[in-house]
N, C-alpha and C. Protein backbone atom coordinates (compact mmCIF):
# COMPACT_ATOMS: atom_id res chain seq x y z
N UNK A 1 34.47 24.77 -30.42
CA UNK A 1 33.97 24.49 -29.17
C UNK A 1 34.82 23.60 -28.45
N UNK A 2 34.89 23.81 -27.09
CA UNK A 2 35.95 22.87 -26.11
C UNK A 2 35.45 21.69 -26.47
N UNK A 3 36.79 20.47 -26.14
CA UNK A 3 36.61 19.46 -25.88
C UNK A 3 36.24 18.87 -24.78
N UNK A 4 35.02 18.32 -24.90
CA UNK A 4 34.35 17.90 -23.60
C UNK A 4 35.28 16.88 -22.84
N UNK A 5 35.94 16.21 -23.36
CA UNK A 5 36.54 15.16 -22.90
C UNK A 5 37.56 15.50 -21.95
N UNK A 6 38.41 16.30 -22.89
CA UNK A 6 39.68 16.79 -21.84
C UNK A 6 39.20 18.09 -20.79
N UNK A 7 38.27 18.65 -21.11
CA UNK A 7 37.78 19.71 -20.20
C UNK A 7 37.46 18.50 -18.83
N UNK A 8 36.89 17.44 -18.95
CA UNK A 8 36.12 16.61 -18.12
C UNK A 8 37.50 16.06 -17.31
N UNK A 9 38.41 15.82 -18.12
CA UNK A 9 39.66 15.02 -17.46
C UNK A 9 40.04 16.46 -16.88
N UNK A 10 40.43 17.41 -17.04
CA UNK A 10 41.07 18.64 -16.15
C UNK A 10 40.13 18.70 -14.93
N UNK A 11 38.88 18.76 -14.72
CA UNK A 11 38.30 19.12 -13.84
C UNK A 11 38.36 17.86 -12.79
N UNK A 12 38.47 16.91 -13.47
CA UNK A 12 38.48 15.39 -12.59
C UNK A 12 40.08 15.38 -11.87
N UNK A 13 40.83 15.87 -12.43
CA UNK A 13 42.08 16.26 -11.94
C UNK A 13 42.42 16.69 -10.61
N UNK A 14 41.39 18.01 -11.10
CA UNK A 14 41.55 18.87 -9.87
C UNK A 14 40.88 18.22 -8.74
N UNK A 15 39.54 17.78 -8.85
CA UNK A 15 39.21 17.00 -7.64
C UNK A 15 40.01 15.71 -7.22
N UNK A 16 40.61 15.16 -8.01
CA UNK A 16 41.54 14.14 -7.45
C UNK A 16 42.51 14.64 -6.40
N UNK A 17 43.06 15.53 -6.88
CA UNK A 17 44.17 16.70 -6.15
C UNK A 17 43.34 16.96 -4.49
N UNK A 18 42.15 17.49 -4.54
CA UNK A 18 41.42 17.44 -2.95
C UNK A 18 41.40 16.33 -2.86
N UNK A 19 40.95 15.15 -3.36
CA UNK A 19 40.59 13.70 -2.49
C UNK A 19 42.28 13.51 -2.09
N UNK A 20 43.03 13.74 -2.82
CA UNK A 20 44.34 13.05 -2.45
C UNK A 20 45.02 13.89 -1.09
N UNK A 21 44.85 14.98 -1.33
CA UNK A 21 45.02 15.95 -0.21
C UNK A 21 44.14 15.83 1.31
N UNK A 22 42.97 15.55 0.69
CA UNK A 22 42.27 15.10 2.27
C UNK A 22 42.74 13.61 2.68
N UNK A 23 42.93 12.70 1.77
CA UNK A 23 43.17 11.46 1.98
C UNK A 23 44.87 11.65 2.95
N UNK A 24 45.40 12.52 2.58
CA UNK A 24 46.65 12.68 3.30
C UNK A 24 46.46 13.27 4.98
N UNK A 25 45.24 14.10 4.83
CA UNK A 25 45.17 14.61 6.14
C UNK A 25 44.24 13.75 6.87
N UNK A 26 43.48 13.21 6.45
CA UNK A 26 42.28 12.15 7.40
C UNK A 26 42.73 10.63 7.21
N UNK A 27 43.44 10.30 6.05
CA UNK A 27 43.33 8.84 5.86
C UNK A 27 41.99 8.60 5.16
N UNK A 28 42.20 7.35 5.31
CA UNK A 28 40.70 6.55 4.23
C UNK A 28 39.53 6.81 5.41
N UNK A 29 39.58 7.72 6.24
CA UNK A 29 38.50 7.80 7.40
C UNK A 29 36.90 7.66 6.83
N UNK A 30 36.68 7.82 5.55
CA UNK A 30 35.38 7.75 5.10
C UNK A 30 35.07 5.81 5.15
N UNK A 31 35.89 5.15 5.10
CA UNK A 31 35.74 3.77 4.93
C UNK A 31 34.84 3.22 6.11
N UNK A 32 34.31 3.87 7.02
CA UNK A 32 33.46 3.58 8.26
C UNK A 32 32.37 4.20 7.91
N UNK A 33 31.90 4.83 6.42
CA UNK A 33 30.64 5.30 6.28
C UNK A 33 29.86 4.06 5.53
N UNK A 34 28.76 3.90 5.88
CA UNK A 34 27.57 3.32 5.06
C UNK A 34 27.22 3.99 3.82
N UNK A 35 26.95 3.24 2.74
CA UNK A 35 26.37 4.01 1.52
C UNK A 35 25.23 4.99 1.98
N UNK A 36 24.69 4.99 2.57
CA UNK A 36 23.56 5.77 3.04
C UNK A 36 23.92 6.96 3.48
N UNK A 37 25.09 7.06 4.55
CA UNK A 37 25.67 7.93 5.09
C UNK A 37 26.41 8.97 3.73
N UNK A 38 27.14 8.35 2.98
CA UNK A 38 27.61 8.59 1.90
C UNK A 38 26.47 9.51 0.88
N UNK A 39 25.23 8.98 0.59
CA UNK A 39 24.49 9.72 -0.10
C UNK A 39 23.79 10.96 0.59
N UNK A 40 23.84 10.95 2.15
CA UNK A 40 23.44 11.99 2.93
C UNK A 40 24.43 13.24 2.91
N UNK A 41 25.68 12.80 2.68
CA UNK A 41 27.17 13.67 2.42
C UNK A 41 26.75 14.28 1.32
N UNK A 42 26.17 13.75 0.49
CA UNK A 42 26.18 14.19 -0.97
C UNK A 42 24.85 15.34 -0.77
N UNK A 43 23.98 15.07 -0.10
CA UNK A 43 22.78 15.76 0.23
C UNK A 43 23.31 17.14 0.68
N UNK A 44 24.07 16.76 1.57
CA UNK A 44 24.60 18.39 2.46
C UNK A 44 24.64 19.21 1.44
N UNK A 45 25.78 18.68 0.61
CA UNK A 45 26.70 19.38 -0.50
C UNK A 45 25.79 19.98 -1.36
N UNK A 46 24.74 19.32 -1.89
CA UNK A 46 23.86 19.75 -2.73
C UNK A 46 22.95 20.82 -2.48
N UNK A 47 22.38 20.42 -1.44
CA UNK A 47 21.46 21.38 -0.51
C UNK A 47 22.23 22.76 -0.52
N UNK A 48 23.53 22.68 0.01
CA UNK A 48 24.35 24.34 0.03
C UNK A 48 24.66 24.93 -1.43
N UNK A 49 24.85 24.01 -1.99
CA UNK A 49 24.83 24.57 -3.50
C UNK A 49 23.55 25.40 -3.81
N UNK A 50 22.46 24.76 -3.71
CA UNK A 50 21.21 25.20 -4.17
C UNK A 50 20.94 26.32 -3.07
N UNK A 51 21.39 26.45 -2.00
CA UNK A 51 20.92 27.60 -0.81
C UNK A 51 21.97 28.60 -1.34
N UNK A 52 23.24 28.59 -1.88
CA UNK A 52 24.06 29.47 -2.24
C UNK A 52 23.67 30.15 -3.85
N UNK A 53 23.05 29.36 -4.65
CA UNK A 53 22.47 29.77 -5.92
C UNK A 53 21.13 30.81 -5.45
N UNK A 54 20.36 30.36 -4.63
CA UNK A 54 19.24 31.12 -4.40
C UNK A 54 19.64 32.33 -3.38
N UNK A 55 20.13 32.24 -2.68
CA UNK A 55 20.55 33.29 -1.54
C UNK A 55 21.78 34.55 -2.36
N UNK A 56 22.95 33.74 -3.08
CA UNK A 56 23.56 34.23 -3.69
C UNK A 56 24.78 34.95 -2.83
N UNK A 57 25.17 34.25 -1.76
CA UNK A 57 25.72 34.87 -0.39
C UNK A 57 26.27 33.88 0.31
N UNK A 58 27.50 33.50 0.82
CA UNK A 58 28.16 32.60 1.51
C UNK A 58 28.73 33.23 2.82
N UNK A 59 28.21 32.82 3.76
CA UNK A 59 28.64 33.36 5.16
C UNK A 59 29.75 32.72 5.21
N UNK A 60 30.40 31.41 5.10
CA UNK A 60 31.37 30.96 5.36
C UNK A 60 32.66 31.05 4.41
N UNK A 61 32.40 31.76 3.40
CA UNK A 61 33.42 32.23 2.40
C UNK A 61 33.71 31.14 1.65
N UNK A 62 33.22 29.88 1.42
CA UNK A 62 33.31 29.02 0.38
C UNK A 62 32.16 29.00 -0.52
N UNK A 63 32.52 28.77 -1.55
CA UNK A 63 31.33 28.86 -2.99
C UNK A 63 30.89 27.57 -3.34
N UNK A 64 30.40 27.70 -4.51
CA UNK A 64 29.85 26.35 -4.95
C UNK A 64 30.83 25.54 -5.58
N UNK A 65 31.92 25.88 -6.31
CA UNK A 65 32.91 25.30 -6.96
C UNK A 65 33.21 24.46 -6.26
N UNK A 66 33.94 24.41 -4.75
CA UNK A 66 34.13 23.35 -4.09
C UNK A 66 33.10 22.32 -3.65
N UNK A 67 32.06 22.69 -3.47
CA UNK A 67 30.72 21.90 -3.28
C UNK A 67 30.62 20.83 -4.41
N UNK A 68 30.60 20.99 -5.78
CA UNK A 68 30.74 20.16 -6.41
C UNK A 68 32.16 19.47 -6.82
N UNK A 69 33.06 19.65 -6.30
CA UNK A 69 34.08 18.88 -6.42
C UNK A 69 33.92 17.82 -4.99
N UNK A 70 33.19 18.39 -4.09
CA UNK A 70 32.93 17.11 -2.93
C UNK A 70 31.84 16.28 -3.38
N UNK A 71 31.08 16.90 -4.13
CA UNK A 71 30.09 15.69 -4.72
C UNK A 71 30.60 14.64 -5.89
N UNK A 72 31.75 15.11 -6.27
CA UNK A 72 32.51 14.09 -7.26
C UNK A 72 32.89 13.33 -6.41
N UNK A 73 33.65 13.85 -5.04
CA UNK A 73 34.36 12.99 -4.40
C UNK A 73 33.99 12.18 -3.50
N UNK A 74 32.67 12.78 -3.11
CA UNK A 74 31.80 11.77 -2.26
C UNK A 74 30.79 10.59 -3.31
N UNK A 75 30.91 10.96 -4.60
CA UNK A 75 30.03 10.05 -5.34
C UNK A 75 31.22 9.13 -5.78
N UNK A 76 32.32 9.24 -6.01
CA UNK A 76 33.68 8.17 -5.85
C UNK A 76 33.92 7.48 -4.56
N UNK A 77 33.59 7.84 -3.79
CA UNK A 77 33.46 7.17 -2.25
C UNK A 77 32.50 6.12 -2.22
N UNK A 78 31.20 6.82 -2.59
CA UNK A 78 30.13 5.97 -2.54
C UNK A 78 30.15 4.85 -3.27
N UNK A 79 30.85 4.88 -4.31
CA UNK A 79 30.78 4.05 -5.51
C UNK A 79 31.85 2.87 -4.78
N UNK A 80 32.55 3.47 -4.09
CA UNK A 80 33.77 2.46 -3.53
C UNK A 80 32.98 1.91 -2.55
N UNK A 81 32.43 2.38 -1.54
CA UNK A 81 31.69 1.74 -0.40
C UNK A 81 30.77 0.28 -0.89
N UNK A 82 29.98 0.66 -2.20
CA UNK A 82 29.12 -0.03 -2.58
C UNK A 82 29.86 -1.51 -2.85
N UNK A 83 31.07 -1.23 -3.59
CA UNK A 83 31.52 -2.47 -3.69
C UNK A 83 32.60 -3.02 -2.77
N UNK A 84 33.00 -2.24 -1.88
CA UNK A 84 34.15 -2.67 -1.04
C UNK A 84 33.46 -2.93 0.31
N UNK A 85 32.07 -2.30 0.51
CA UNK A 85 31.33 -2.43 1.72
C UNK A 85 32.19 -1.41 2.66
N UNK A 86 31.26 -0.94 3.66
CA UNK A 86 32.08 0.06 4.56
C UNK A 86 32.79 -1.06 5.56
N UNK A 87 33.68 -0.41 6.44
CA UNK A 87 34.45 -1.05 7.58
C UNK A 87 34.62 -0.61 8.89
N UNK A 88 34.86 -1.02 9.91
CA UNK A 88 34.61 -0.65 11.29
C UNK A 88 35.97 0.00 11.41
N UNK A 89 36.90 0.04 10.86
CA UNK A 89 38.24 0.85 11.06
C UNK A 89 39.00 1.06 9.60
N UNK A 90 39.72 2.02 9.48
CA UNK A 90 40.51 2.34 8.07
C UNK A 90 41.10 1.09 7.93
N UNK A 91 40.59 0.44 6.71
CA UNK A 91 41.25 -0.41 6.34
C UNK A 91 41.72 -0.58 4.89
N UNK A 92 42.36 0.52 4.26
CA UNK A 92 42.93 0.89 3.03
C UNK A 92 43.90 2.06 3.06
N UNK A 93 44.95 1.56 2.29
CA UNK A 93 46.17 2.54 2.06
C UNK A 93 45.67 3.64 1.32
N UNK A 94 46.59 4.70 1.26
CA UNK A 94 46.32 5.74 0.38
C UNK A 94 46.58 5.22 -0.95
N UNK A 95 47.48 4.20 -1.44
CA UNK A 95 47.76 3.78 -2.58
C UNK A 95 46.34 3.07 -3.24
N UNK A 96 45.91 2.22 -2.13
CA UNK A 96 44.67 1.52 -2.53
C UNK A 96 43.31 2.43 -2.88
N UNK A 97 43.40 3.18 -2.25
CA UNK A 97 42.31 4.24 -2.34
C UNK A 97 42.52 5.13 -3.61
N UNK A 98 43.70 5.49 -4.09
CA UNK A 98 43.60 6.53 -5.04
C UNK A 98 43.67 5.63 -6.43
N UNK A 99 43.90 4.15 -6.35
CA UNK A 99 43.91 3.36 -7.29
C UNK A 99 42.06 2.97 -7.68
N UNK A 100 41.41 3.26 -6.50
CA UNK A 100 40.08 2.88 -6.60
C UNK A 100 39.46 3.97 -7.20
N UNK A 101 39.75 5.32 -6.64
CA UNK A 101 39.41 6.60 -7.20
C UNK A 101 39.57 6.50 -8.77
N UNK A 102 40.73 6.25 -8.93
CA UNK A 102 41.13 6.36 -10.60
C UNK A 102 40.33 5.22 -11.38
N UNK A 103 39.83 4.55 -11.02
CA UNK A 103 39.00 3.42 -11.59
C UNK A 103 37.71 3.87 -11.79
N UNK A 104 37.29 4.70 -11.17
CA UNK A 104 35.70 4.93 -10.85
C UNK A 104 35.53 6.29 -11.56
N UNK A 105 36.63 7.29 -11.50
CA UNK A 105 37.00 8.39 -12.15
C UNK A 105 36.96 7.91 -13.62
N UNK A 106 37.42 6.92 -14.00
CA UNK A 106 37.40 6.46 -15.38
C UNK A 106 35.80 5.99 -15.94
N UNK A 107 35.20 5.34 -15.16
CA UNK A 107 34.12 4.91 -15.31
C UNK A 107 33.32 6.02 -15.71
N UNK A 108 33.34 7.21 -14.82
CA UNK A 108 32.52 8.26 -14.94
C UNK A 108 32.88 9.13 -16.18
N UNK A 109 34.16 8.72 -16.65
CA UNK A 109 34.47 9.16 -17.96
C UNK A 109 33.93 8.56 -19.12
N UNK A 110 33.85 7.38 -18.62
CA UNK A 110 33.59 6.51 -19.91
C UNK A 110 31.83 6.64 -20.17
N UNK A 111 31.27 6.73 -18.92
CA UNK A 111 29.95 6.96 -19.03
C UNK A 111 29.54 8.42 -19.80
N UNK A 112 30.17 9.68 -19.47
CA UNK A 112 29.84 10.82 -19.87
C UNK A 112 30.03 10.63 -21.36
N UNK A 113 31.03 10.14 -22.02
CA UNK A 113 31.38 10.01 -23.38
C UNK A 113 30.12 9.40 -23.99
N UNK A 114 29.52 8.19 -23.37
CA UNK A 114 28.60 7.63 -24.22
C UNK A 114 27.54 8.35 -24.16
N UNK A 115 27.22 8.98 -23.08
CA UNK A 115 25.60 9.81 -22.92
C UNK A 115 25.77 11.09 -23.47
N UNK A 116 27.23 11.70 -23.60
CA UNK A 116 27.42 13.01 -24.31
C UNK A 116 27.24 12.39 -25.87
N UNK A 117 27.69 11.49 -26.29
CA UNK A 117 27.26 11.44 -27.60
C UNK A 117 25.90 11.08 -27.99
N UNK A 118 24.86 10.44 -26.93
CA UNK A 118 23.67 10.34 -27.46
C UNK A 118 23.11 11.56 -27.15
N UNK A 119 23.20 12.36 -26.09
CA UNK A 119 22.53 13.55 -25.97
C UNK A 119 23.09 14.52 -26.63
N UNK A 120 24.21 14.74 -27.33
CA UNK A 120 24.86 15.60 -28.22
C UNK A 120 25.09 16.90 -27.59
N UNK A 121 25.85 16.89 -26.59
CA UNK A 121 26.22 18.05 -25.76
C UNK A 121 25.20 18.86 -25.27
N UNK A 122 24.06 18.23 -25.14
CA UNK A 122 22.99 18.91 -24.19
C UNK A 122 23.37 19.59 -23.21
N UNK A 123 24.23 18.94 -22.55
CA UNK A 123 24.23 19.63 -21.04
C UNK A 123 25.11 21.12 -21.32
N UNK A 124 25.57 21.45 -22.47
CA UNK A 124 26.38 22.73 -22.63
C UNK A 124 24.87 23.64 -22.75
N UNK A 125 23.75 23.62 -22.77
CA UNK A 125 22.72 24.38 -23.11
C UNK A 125 22.06 24.44 -21.76
N UNK A 126 22.38 23.86 -21.02
CA UNK A 126 22.02 23.81 -19.39
C UNK A 126 22.18 24.74 -18.37
N UNK A 127 21.34 25.54 -17.60
CA UNK A 127 22.20 26.21 -16.54
C UNK A 127 22.62 25.18 -14.95
N UNK A 128 23.33 26.04 -14.65
CA UNK A 128 24.12 25.30 -13.75
C UNK A 128 22.98 24.94 -12.40
N UNK A 129 22.38 25.53 -12.49
CA UNK A 129 21.35 25.53 -11.33
C UNK A 129 20.44 24.28 -11.43
N UNK A 130 20.45 23.90 -12.99
CA UNK A 130 19.64 22.29 -13.10
C UNK A 130 20.43 21.32 -12.63
N UNK A 131 21.59 21.72 -12.97
CA UNK A 131 22.49 20.12 -12.67
C UNK A 131 22.21 19.94 -11.03
N UNK A 132 22.26 21.10 -10.18
CA UNK A 132 22.16 21.24 -9.06
C UNK A 132 20.50 20.29 -8.65
N UNK A 133 19.60 20.71 -9.35
CA UNK A 133 18.44 20.07 -9.00
C UNK A 133 18.53 18.68 -9.64
N UNK A 134 18.87 18.58 -10.59
CA UNK A 134 19.01 17.17 -11.11
C UNK A 134 20.00 16.14 -10.05
N UNK A 135 21.03 16.95 -9.58
CA UNK A 135 21.74 15.93 -8.50
C UNK A 135 20.92 15.82 -7.44
N UNK A 136 20.04 16.82 -7.00
CA UNK A 136 19.00 16.41 -5.81
C UNK A 136 17.83 15.69 -6.25
N UNK A 137 17.64 15.35 -7.74
CA UNK A 137 16.72 14.42 -7.85
C UNK A 137 17.47 13.22 -7.55
N UNK A 138 18.63 12.85 -8.37
CA UNK A 138 19.37 11.80 -8.12
C UNK A 138 19.47 11.28 -6.60
N UNK A 139 19.63 12.17 -5.94
CA UNK A 139 19.97 11.86 -4.37
C UNK A 139 18.48 11.21 -3.78
N UNK A 140 17.48 12.03 -4.02
CA UNK A 140 16.27 11.43 -3.54
C UNK A 140 16.07 10.13 -4.14
N UNK A 141 16.24 10.04 -5.55
CA UNK A 141 16.14 8.38 -6.10
C UNK A 141 16.79 7.57 -5.37
N UNK A 142 18.12 7.78 -5.06
CA UNK A 142 19.03 7.05 -4.41
C UNK A 142 18.43 6.83 -3.09
N UNK A 143 17.81 7.46 -2.34
CA UNK A 143 17.49 7.46 -0.89
C UNK A 143 16.30 6.46 -1.08
N UNK A 144 15.36 6.46 -1.87
CA UNK A 144 14.39 5.41 -2.23
C UNK A 144 15.09 3.93 -2.50
N UNK A 145 16.00 3.71 -3.47
CA UNK A 145 16.49 2.78 -3.47
C UNK A 145 17.19 2.09 -2.42
N UNK A 146 17.80 2.94 -1.72
CA UNK A 146 18.42 2.42 -0.53
C UNK A 146 17.31 1.76 0.39
N UNK A 147 16.28 2.56 0.51
CA UNK A 147 15.20 2.23 1.67
C UNK A 147 14.69 0.83 0.91
N UNK A 148 14.67 0.51 -0.44
CA UNK A 148 14.43 -1.05 -1.07
C UNK A 148 15.73 -1.80 -1.09
N UNK A 149 16.48 -1.64 0.03
CA UNK A 149 17.64 -2.44 0.46
C UNK A 149 18.58 -2.73 -1.07
N UNK A 150 18.31 -1.42 -1.85
CA UNK A 150 19.10 -1.60 -3.06
C UNK A 150 18.58 -2.08 -4.47
N UNK A 151 17.42 -2.61 -4.18
CA UNK A 151 16.66 -3.61 -5.11
C UNK A 151 15.79 -2.60 -6.34
N UNK A 152 15.94 -2.71 -7.20
CA UNK A 152 14.72 -1.92 -8.02
C UNK A 152 14.18 -2.96 -9.14
N UNK A 153 13.26 -2.79 -9.59
CA UNK A 153 11.97 -3.46 -10.21
C UNK A 153 12.38 -3.10 -11.97
N UNK A 154 12.69 -1.73 -12.36
CA UNK A 154 12.91 -1.29 -13.61
C UNK A 154 14.21 -0.29 -13.76
N UNK A 155 14.60 -0.04 -12.65
CA UNK A 155 15.51 1.38 -12.63
C UNK A 155 16.89 1.08 -12.61
N UNK A 156 17.79 1.80 -12.91
CA UNK A 156 19.23 1.67 -12.70
C UNK A 156 19.62 1.74 -11.29
N UNK A 157 20.60 1.29 -10.83
CA UNK A 157 20.81 0.97 -9.36
C UNK A 157 21.51 2.42 -8.74
N UNK A 158 21.97 2.04 -7.60
CA UNK A 158 22.67 3.21 -6.89
C UNK A 158 23.97 3.53 -7.61
N UNK A 159 24.71 2.64 -7.93
CA UNK A 159 26.10 3.04 -8.52
C UNK A 159 25.48 4.27 -9.92
N UNK A 160 24.64 3.61 -10.58
CA UNK A 160 24.22 4.73 -11.81
C UNK A 160 23.71 5.92 -11.08
N UNK A 161 23.21 6.09 -10.15
CA UNK A 161 23.02 7.31 -9.45
C UNK A 161 24.05 8.28 -9.03
N UNK A 162 25.32 7.25 -8.47
CA UNK A 162 26.41 8.11 -8.14
C UNK A 162 27.16 8.46 -9.40
N UNK A 163 27.07 7.67 -10.53
CA UNK A 163 27.89 8.56 -11.46
C UNK A 163 27.06 9.49 -12.14
N UNK A 164 25.96 9.41 -12.38
CA UNK A 164 25.23 10.65 -13.01
C UNK A 164 25.50 11.71 -12.07
N UNK A 165 25.47 11.46 -10.62
CA UNK A 165 25.79 12.83 -9.83
C UNK A 165 27.14 13.11 -10.06
N UNK A 166 28.19 12.43 -10.11
CA UNK A 166 29.46 12.70 -10.49
C UNK A 166 29.36 13.67 -11.63
N UNK A 167 28.97 12.77 -12.62
CA UNK A 167 29.00 13.61 -14.04
C UNK A 167 28.30 15.25 -14.16
N UNK A 168 27.03 15.25 -13.65
CA UNK A 168 26.28 16.70 -13.47
C UNK A 168 27.37 17.32 -12.68
N UNK A 169 28.08 17.13 -11.80
CA UNK A 169 29.04 18.01 -10.81
C UNK A 169 30.24 18.61 -11.67
N UNK A 170 30.31 17.60 -12.64
CA UNK A 170 31.61 17.98 -13.10
C UNK A 170 31.13 18.75 -14.33
N UNK A 171 30.26 18.75 -15.17
CA UNK A 171 29.73 19.54 -15.86
C UNK A 171 29.44 20.83 -15.45
N UNK A 172 29.10 21.08 -14.02
CA UNK A 172 28.70 22.52 -13.19
C UNK A 172 30.42 22.97 -13.21
N UNK A 173 31.23 22.16 -12.72
CA UNK A 173 32.68 22.63 -12.35
C UNK A 173 32.93 23.01 -14.08
N UNK A 174 32.76 22.63 -14.85
CA UNK A 174 33.49 23.10 -16.13
C UNK A 174 32.57 24.11 -16.47
N UNK A 175 31.21 24.38 -16.34
CA UNK A 175 30.54 25.57 -16.70
C UNK A 175 31.17 26.69 -15.40
N UNK A 176 31.42 26.74 -14.46
CA UNK A 176 31.82 27.50 -13.53
C UNK A 176 33.35 28.20 -14.22
N UNK A 177 34.40 27.23 -14.20
CA UNK A 177 35.55 27.61 -14.88
C UNK A 177 35.50 28.51 -16.30
N UNK A 178 34.52 28.06 -16.92
CA UNK A 178 34.00 28.76 -18.72
C UNK A 178 33.51 30.19 -18.23
N UNK A 179 33.10 30.31 -16.79
CA UNK A 179 32.31 31.77 -16.57
C UNK A 179 33.12 32.66 -16.30
N UNK A 180 34.66 32.12 -15.57
CA UNK A 180 35.43 33.11 -14.90
C UNK A 180 36.37 33.71 -15.83
């Protein structure tokens, strides 16, 4: 069986490359986004994945793989925005953004390793469409928590939901690569 941690790192490296390239093109323009707007961006990506899964056709020529990558990258942006808050202007250099990206990518990996141990590689038996549905569920949970100003009574917070969305997306990326 393939080494999940290694596969995870390989997919995260591909996502990091896309993030870095977009950072070059646009700078850290995402710094103006409030966390709720980041959640909505992830919603758009997850809904598109579900639409492509159901319809089986893309009219704009982009498939599911780059949408899962976008969820990973927006999830990391969301984590950055939660801890560094949004800004009115671009207030972060590319190097600062990449350092934060690496920090949160490591957090996602660390969480995946712990959960993968406890759940015994259960993700490998799941369908890619289930990852999509679970991401959509996490988005709805996040929106509810955002509606409560980030406060929960017994549940994990917004950050935990972003991390789960990242990890489900990476599982989707791994599975898509294995299908090729």
